[in-house]
C-alpha atoms as a PDB file:
ATOM      1  CA  UNK A   1       7.275  14.802  33.459  1.00  0.00           C
ATOM      2  CA  UNK A   2       7.054  17.077  30.598  1.00  0.00           C
ATOM      3  CA  UNK A   3       3.513  17.608  29.510  1.00  0.00           C
ATOM      4  CA  UNK A   4       2.634  15.845  25.882  1.00  0.00           C
ATOM      5  CA  UNK A   5       1.253  18.191  23.818  1.00  0.00           C
ATOM      6  CA  UNK A   6       1.688  16.674  20.646  1.00  0.00           C
ATOM      7  CA  UNK A   7       2.817  13.234  19.136  1.00  0.00           C
ATOM      8  CA  UNK A   8       6.333  14.838  18.236  1.00  0.00           C
ATOM      9  CA  UNK A   9       6.963  15.000  22.426  1.00  0.00           C
ATOM     10  CA  UNK A  10       7.051  11.416  22.510  1.00  0.00           C
ATOM     11  CA  UNK A  11       9.733   9.300  23.138  1.00  0.00           C
ATOM     12  CA  UNK A  12       8.728   6.362  21.258  1.00  0.00           C
ATOM     13  CA  UNK A  13       8.413   8.640  18.114  1.00  0.00           C
ATOM     14  CA  UNK A  14      11.300  10.283  18.466  1.00  0.00           C
ATOM     15  CA  UNK A  15      13.295   6.599  19.090  1.00  0.00           C
ATOM     16  CA  UNK A  16      11.089   5.376  16.123  1.00  0.00           C
ATOM     17  CA  UNK A  17      11.791   8.831  13.695  1.00  0.00           C
ATOM     18  CA  UNK A  18      15.445   7.910  14.503  1.00  0.00           C
ATOM     19  CA  UNK A  19      15.090   3.954  13.713  1.00  0.00           C
ATOM     20  CA  UNK A  20      13.616   4.991  10.201  1.00  0.00           C
ATOM     21  CA  UNK A  21      16.501   7.410   9.719  1.00  0.00           C
ATOM     22  CA  UNK A  22      19.112   4.500  10.335  1.00  0.00           C
ATOM     23  CA  UNK A  23      17.122   2.131   8.138  1.00  0.00           C
ATOM     24  CA  UNK A  24      17.536   4.443   5.170  1.00  0.00           C
ATOM     25  CA  UNK A  25      21.448   3.160   5.426  1.00  0.00           C
ATOM     26  CA  UNK A  26      19.914  -0.395   4.491  1.00  0.00           C
ATOM     27  CA  UNK A  27      17.688   1.000   1.977  1.00  0.00           C
ATOM     28  CA  UNK A  28      20.314   2.319  -0.242  1.00  0.00           C
ATOM     29  CA  UNK A  29      22.220  -1.040  -0.012  1.00  0.00           C
ATOM     30  CA  UNK A  30      19.247  -3.016  -0.995  1.00  0.00           C
ATOM     31  CA  UNK A  31      18.590  -0.597  -3.921  1.00  0.00           C
ATOM     32  CA  UNK A  32      22.469  -0.890  -4.880  1.00  0.00           C
ATOM     33  CA  UNK A  33      21.604  -4.971  -4.978  1.00  0.00           C
ATOM     34  CA  UNK A  34      18.140  -4.484  -6.506  1.00  0.00           C
ATOM     35  CA  UNK A  35      16.293  -6.115  -3.670  1.00  0.00           C
ATOM     36  CA  UNK A  36      13.722  -3.401  -5.061  1.00  0.00           C
ATOM     37  CA  UNK A  37      10.870  -5.627  -2.854  1.00  0.00           C
ATOM     38  CA  UNK A  38      12.101  -5.896   0.152  1.00  0.00           C
ATOM     39  CA  UNK A  39      13.222  -2.667   0.147  1.00  0.00           C
ATOM     40  CA  UNK A  40       9.731  -1.135  -0.412  1.00  0.00           C
ATOM     41  CA  UNK A  41       8.995  -3.718   2.778  1.00  0.00           C
ATOM     42  CA  UNK A  42      11.570  -2.486   4.913  1.00  0.00           C
ATOM     43  CA  UNK A  43      10.495   1.187   3.967  1.00  0.00           C
ATOM     44  CA  UNK A  44       7.035   0.881   4.458  1.00  0.00           C
ATOM     45  CA  UNK A  45       7.394  -1.456   8.180  1.00  0.00           C
ATOM     46  CA  UNK A  46       9.997   1.124   9.210  1.00  0.00           C
ATOM     47  CA  UNK A  47       7.760   3.862   8.658  1.00  0.00           C
ATOM     48  CA  UNK A  48       4.519   2.425   9.687  1.00  0.00           C
ATOM     49  CA  UNK A  49       6.167   2.028  13.248  1.00  0.00           C
ATOM     50  CA  UNK A  50       6.058   6.218  13.558  1.00  0.00           C
ATOM     51  CA  UNK A  51       3.187   6.732  11.825  1.00  0.00           C
ATOM     52  CA  UNK A  52       1.094   4.365  13.966  1.00  0.00           C
ATOM     53  CA  UNK A  53       2.533   5.879  16.698  1.00  0.00           C
ATOM     54  CA  UNK A  54       1.356   9.369  15.427  1.00  0.00           C
ATOM     55  CA  UNK A  55      -1.940   8.489  14.090  1.00  0.00           C
ATOM     56  CA  UNK A  56      -2.899   6.594  17.481  1.00  0.00           C
ATOM     57  CA  UNK A  57      -1.941   9.964  19.533  1.00  0.00           C
ATOM     58  CA  UNK A  58      -3.838  11.909  17.553  1.00  0.00           C
ATOM     59  CA  UNK A  59      -7.142   9.868  18.038  1.00  0.00           C
ATOM     60  CA  UNK A  60      -7.718  11.361  21.557  1.00  0.00           C
ATOM     61  CA  UNK A  61      -8.879   8.231  23.057  1.00  0.00           C
ATOM     62  CA  UNK A  62      -6.209   5.950  24.959  1.00  0.00           C
ATOM     63  CA  UNK A  63      -7.994   2.978  23.707  1.00  0.00           C
ATOM     64  CA  UNK A  64      -7.462   3.767  20.390  1.00  0.00           C
ATOM     65  CA  UNK A  65      -4.263   4.754  21.138  1.00  0.00           C
ATOM     66  CA  UNK A  66      -3.262   1.718  22.260  1.00  0.00           C
ATOM     67  CA  UNK A  67      -4.374  -0.001  19.534  1.00  0.00           C
ATOM     68  CA  UNK A  68      -2.523   1.964  17.307  1.00  0.00           C
ATOM     69  CA  UNK A  69       0.862   1.342  19.246  1.00  0.00           C
ATOM     70  CA  UNK A  70       0.199  -2.226  18.847  1.00  0.00           C
ATOM     71  CA  UNK A  71       0.260  -1.988  15.471  1.00  0.00           C
ATOM     72  CA  UNK A  72       2.989   0.015  15.378  1.00  0.00           C
ATOM     73  CA  UNK A  73       5.018  -2.568  18.037  1.00  0.00           C
ATOM     74  CA  UNK A  74       3.545  -5.203  15.093  1.00  0.00           C
ATOM     75  CA  UNK A  75       5.419  -3.564  12.102  1.00  0.00           C
ATOM     76  CA  UNK A  76       8.443  -3.145  14.051  1.00  0.00           C
ATOM     77  CA  UNK A  77       8.546  -7.206  14.341  1.00  0.00           C
ATOM     78  CA  UNK A  78       8.090  -6.873  10.736  1.00  0.00           C
ATOM     79  CA  UNK A  79      11.425  -4.569  10.466  1.00  0.00           C
ATOM     80  CA  UNK A  80      13.188  -7.150  12.481  1.00  0.00           C
ATOM     81  CA  UNK A  81      12.502  -9.876  10.823  1.00  0.00           C
ATOM     82  CA  UNK A  82      13.132  -7.888   7.207  1.00  0.00           C
ATOM     83  CA  UNK A  83      16.505  -7.060   8.694  1.00  0.00           C
ATOM     84  CA  UNK A  84      17.202 -10.811   9.210  1.00  0.00           C
ATOM     85  CA  UNK A  85      16.654 -11.091   5.621  1.00  0.00           C
ATOM     86  CA  UNK A  86      18.913  -8.500   4.460  1.00  0.00           C
ATOM     87  CA  UNK A  87      21.303 -10.627   6.812  1.00  0.00           C
ATOM     88  CA  UNK A  88      20.572 -13.752   5.071  1.00  0.00           C
ATOM     89  CA  UNK A  89      20.936 -12.032   1.610  1.00  0.00           C
ATOM     90  CA  UNK A  90      24.450 -10.030   2.695  1.00  0.00           C
ATOM     91  CA  UNK A  91      23.163  -7.014   2.635  1.00  0.00           C
ATOM     92  CA  UNK A  92      24.037  -6.453   6.544  1.00  0.00           C
ATOM     93  CA  UNK A  93      26.854  -7.820   8.674  1.00  0.00           C
ATOM     94  CA  UNK A  94      26.250  -9.807  12.195  1.00  0.00           C
ATOM     95  CA  UNK A  95      27.419  -6.867  13.825  1.00  0.00           C
ATOM     96  CA  UNK A  96      25.120  -4.242  11.683  1.00  0.00           C
ATOM     97  CA  UNK A  97      21.992  -6.858  12.048  1.00  0.00           C
ATOM     98  CA  UNK A  98      22.681  -7.194  16.337  1.00  0.00           C
ATOM     99  CA  UNK A  99      22.867  -3.370  16.628  1.00  0.00           C
ATOM    100  CA  UNK A 100      19.568  -3.253  15.017  1.00  0.00           C
ATOM    101  CA  UNK A 101      18.100  -5.782  16.840  1.00  0.00           C
ATOM    102  CA  UNK A 102      19.078  -4.452  20.091  1.00  0.00           C
ATOM    103  CA  UNK A 103      17.387  -0.765  18.727  1.00  0.00           C
ATOM    104  CA  UNK A 104      14.266  -2.253  17.549  1.00  0.00           C
ATOM    105  CA  UNK A 105      13.925  -4.526  20.803  1.00  0.00           C
ATOM    106  CA  UNK A 106      14.493  -1.274  23.246  1.00  0.00           C
ATOM    107  CA  UNK A 107      11.973   0.694  21.109  1.00  0.00           C
ATOM    108  CA  UNK A 108       9.539  -2.420  21.505  1.00  0.00           C
ATOM    109  CA  UNK A 109      10.064  -2.433  25.075  1.00  0.00           C
ATOM    110  CA  UNK A 110       9.337   1.272  25.629  1.00  0.00           C
ATOM    111  CA  UNK A 111       6.144   0.791  23.409  1.00  0.00           C
ATOM    112  CA  UNK A 112       4.983  -1.904  25.260  1.00  0.00           C
ATOM    113  CA  UNK A 113       5.573  -0.419  28.834  1.00  0.00           C
ATOM    114  CA  UNK A 114       3.882   2.346  27.492  1.00  0.00           C
ATOM    115  CA  UNK A 115       0.861   0.371  26.250  1.00  0.00           C
ATOM    116  CA  UNK A 116       1.015  -0.781  29.888  1.00  0.00           C
ATOM    117  CA  UNK A 117       0.378   2.949  31.457  1.00  0.00           C
ATOM    118  CA  UNK A 118      -2.414   3.806  29.060  1.00  0.00           C
ATOM    119  CA  UNK A 119      -4.416   0.761  30.025  1.00  0.00           C
ATOM    120  CA  UNK A 120      -3.718   1.153  33.842  1.00  0.00           C
ATOM    121  CA  UNK A 121      -4.675   4.924  33.300  1.00  0.00           C
ATOM    122  CA  UNK A 122      -7.677   6.592  34.372  1.00  0.00           C
ATOM    123  CA  UNK A 123      -7.107   8.978  31.671  1.00  0.00           C
ATOM    124  CA  UNK A 124      -9.541   8.107  28.554  1.00  0.00           C
ATOM    125  CA  UNK A 125      -8.412  10.589  26.028  1.00  0.00           C
ATOM    126  CA  UNK A 126      -9.635  14.222  25.117  1.00  0.00           C
ATOM    127  CA  UNK A 127     -12.349  13.039  22.898  1.00  0.00           C
ATOM    128  CA  UNK A 128     -14.140  11.732  26.176  1.00  0.00           C
ATOM    129  CA  UNK A 129     -13.679  15.080  27.952  1.00  0.00           C
ATOM    130  CA  UNK A 130     -17.013  16.684  28.649  1.00  0.00           C
ATOM    131  CA  UNK A 131     -17.158  20.070  27.013  1.00  0.00           C
END
């Protein structure tokens, strides 16, 4: 396993970034349909997934990192819910919705597994190292 030196090295952050890029397709369609508020909410929650993973990593402590991962996972739930709303408004078709839901569920599972790993790790983070 490669050493993680920056949040960009994290598989979960990379996956969140890919999801965020794919959500842009939906954002464009929401803009065209004049669903501005839902567009802003979906854009914000999709960005929040990757941003909270990054912020938690930069805190240099496992407890805070786990807390931010939980927030990221919650934001991912928001993305899933908002995608159902786009489907209900005929912005996405059923196949598109299902594809997004699979990706969201896979990422949620990876985040949960990483949280479990951190919870059971003896490593507490750089901020707790003795100088």
